[in-house]
Protein backbone atom coordinates (compact mmCIF):
# COMPACT_ATOMS: atom_id res chain seq x y z
CA MET A 1 0.00 0.00 0.00
CA PRO A 2 1.52 3.35 -0.99
CA PRO A 3 2.13 6.00 1.66
CA LYS A 4 -0.71 8.47 2.09
CA ALA A 5 -0.16 12.16 1.58
CA SER A 6 -1.43 14.59 4.19
CA ASN A 7 -1.20 18.35 3.77
CA ASP A 8 0.99 17.93 0.68
CA THR A 9 3.67 15.96 2.56
CA LEU A 10 4.52 12.34 1.97
CA ARG A 11 5.11 9.89 4.76
CA ILE A 12 8.27 8.02 3.81
CA PRO A 13 8.12 4.42 5.03
CA THR A 14 10.91 3.22 7.27
CA LYS A 15 13.32 0.84 5.58
CA LEU A 16 13.14 -2.60 7.14
CA TYR A 17 16.01 -5.09 6.96
CA ARG A 18 15.94 -8.87 7.04
CA ILE A 19 18.55 -10.56 9.21
CA GLY A 20 20.69 -11.38 6.16
CA GLU A 21 20.86 -7.71 5.24
CA VAL A 22 21.87 -6.78 8.80
CA VAL A 23 24.61 -9.43 8.58
CA ASN A 24 25.82 -7.99 5.25
CA TYR A 25 26.16 -4.48 6.71
CA THR A 26 27.76 -5.45 10.04
CA PRO A 27 30.63 -7.64 11.28
CA PHE A 28 28.14 -9.92 13.06
CA SER A 29 27.04 -13.40 12.02
CA ARG A 30 23.43 -14.46 11.56
CA GLN A 31 23.68 -16.47 14.79
CA THR A 32 25.02 -13.48 16.74
CA ILE A 33 22.19 -11.24 15.49
CA HIS A 34 19.71 -13.95 16.47
CA ASN A 35 21.33 -14.33 19.92
CA TYR A 36 21.39 -10.57 20.52
CA THR A 37 17.69 -10.45 19.63
CA ILE A 38 16.86 -13.29 22.02
CA MET A 39 18.93 -11.61 24.76
CA GLY A 40 17.11 -8.32 24.22
CA LEU A 41 20.21 -6.39 23.13
CA ILE A 42 18.48 -5.54 19.84
CA ARG A 43 14.83 -5.67 18.83
CA GLU A 44 13.02 -6.58 15.69
CA ALA A 45 10.69 -3.83 14.44
CA GLN A 46 8.24 -6.16 12.73
CA TRP A 47 7.73 -9.71 11.53
CA THR A 48 6.88 -10.87 8.03
CA GLU A 49 3.81 -13.00 7.43
CA GLY A 50 6.21 -15.93 7.08
CA GLY A 51 7.62 -15.31 10.58
CA HIS A 52 10.91 -13.65 9.64
CA ARG A 53 12.25 -10.84 11.77
CA LEU A 54 12.55 -7.38 10.27
CA TYR A 55 14.82 -4.74 11.80
CA ASP A 56 14.61 -0.99 11.32
CA GLU A 57 17.52 1.39 10.87
CA SER A 58 17.94 1.90 14.61
CA VAL A 59 19.43 -1.59 14.87
CA PHE A 60 22.64 -0.29 13.28
CA GLU A 61 23.05 2.39 15.96
CA ARG A 62 22.45 -0.20 18.64
CA LEU A 63 24.94 -2.66 17.11
CA SER A 64 27.52 0.13 16.82
CA LYS A 65 27.08 0.84 20.52
CA ILE A 66 27.46 -2.87 21.30
CA ILE A 67 30.72 -2.96 19.28
CA GLN A 68 32.11 -0.07 21.36
CA LEU A 69 30.95 -1.52 24.67
CA LYS A 70 32.34 -4.99 23.90
CA LYS A 71 35.84 -3.53 24.09
CA SER A 72 35.57 -3.29 27.87
CA LYS A 73 32.28 -4.89 28.97
CA THR A 74 30.70 -8.33 29.09
CA LEU A 75 27.40 -9.01 27.31
CA THR A 76 25.64 -9.06 30.67
CA GLU A 77 27.04 -5.62 31.50
CA ILE A 78 26.13 -4.35 28.03
CA ARG A 79 22.57 -5.61 28.46
CA GLN A 80 22.28 -3.77 31.79
CA ILE A 81 23.65 -0.55 30.27
CA LEU A 82 21.31 -0.71 27.29
CA PHE A 83 18.28 -1.50 29.46
CA LYS A 84 19.07 1.45 31.75
CA GLU A 85 19.41 3.77 28.75
CA GLN A 86 16.15 2.47 27.32
CA ALA A 87 14.35 2.96 30.64
CA SER A 88 15.66 6.51 31.04
CA THR A 89 14.68 7.35 27.45
CA ALA A 90 11.19 5.92 27.99
CA GLY A 91 10.90 7.86 31.26
CA LYS A 92 11.95 11.09 29.58
CA ALA A 93 9.44 10.55 26.75
CA GLY A 94 6.72 10.02 29.35
CA GLN A 95 7.73 13.20 31.17
CA ASP A 96 7.72 15.17 27.90
CA LEU A 97 4.27 13.86 27.06
CA GLN A 98 2.95 14.65 30.53
CA SER A 99 4.37 18.20 30.50
CA SER A 100 2.89 18.88 27.05
CA GLU A 101 -0.51 17.66 28.28
CA ASN A 102 -0.33 19.98 31.27
CA ASN A 103 0.38 23.04 29.09
């Protein structure tokens, strides 16, 4: 289905990547991407009707961060760091939403 135009602007769909494409653009193997997904280090954005994971562009930022953190941290430590960052980002988004509702 083509993107719908509203007020003369087009909504550009987000590019989604299959696991093989993520593997082609990163130094990680298919198994590592799968393991990181299972561990919660990265997240799929959607699933195909056939049950394949699809990742959005944010997965590359996350994998870049993992590469940097792996230089000095274990996967368990990386998971804790990423979860804390995610929680603080979610909390900030909630605060922003609440303050905009109060105004």
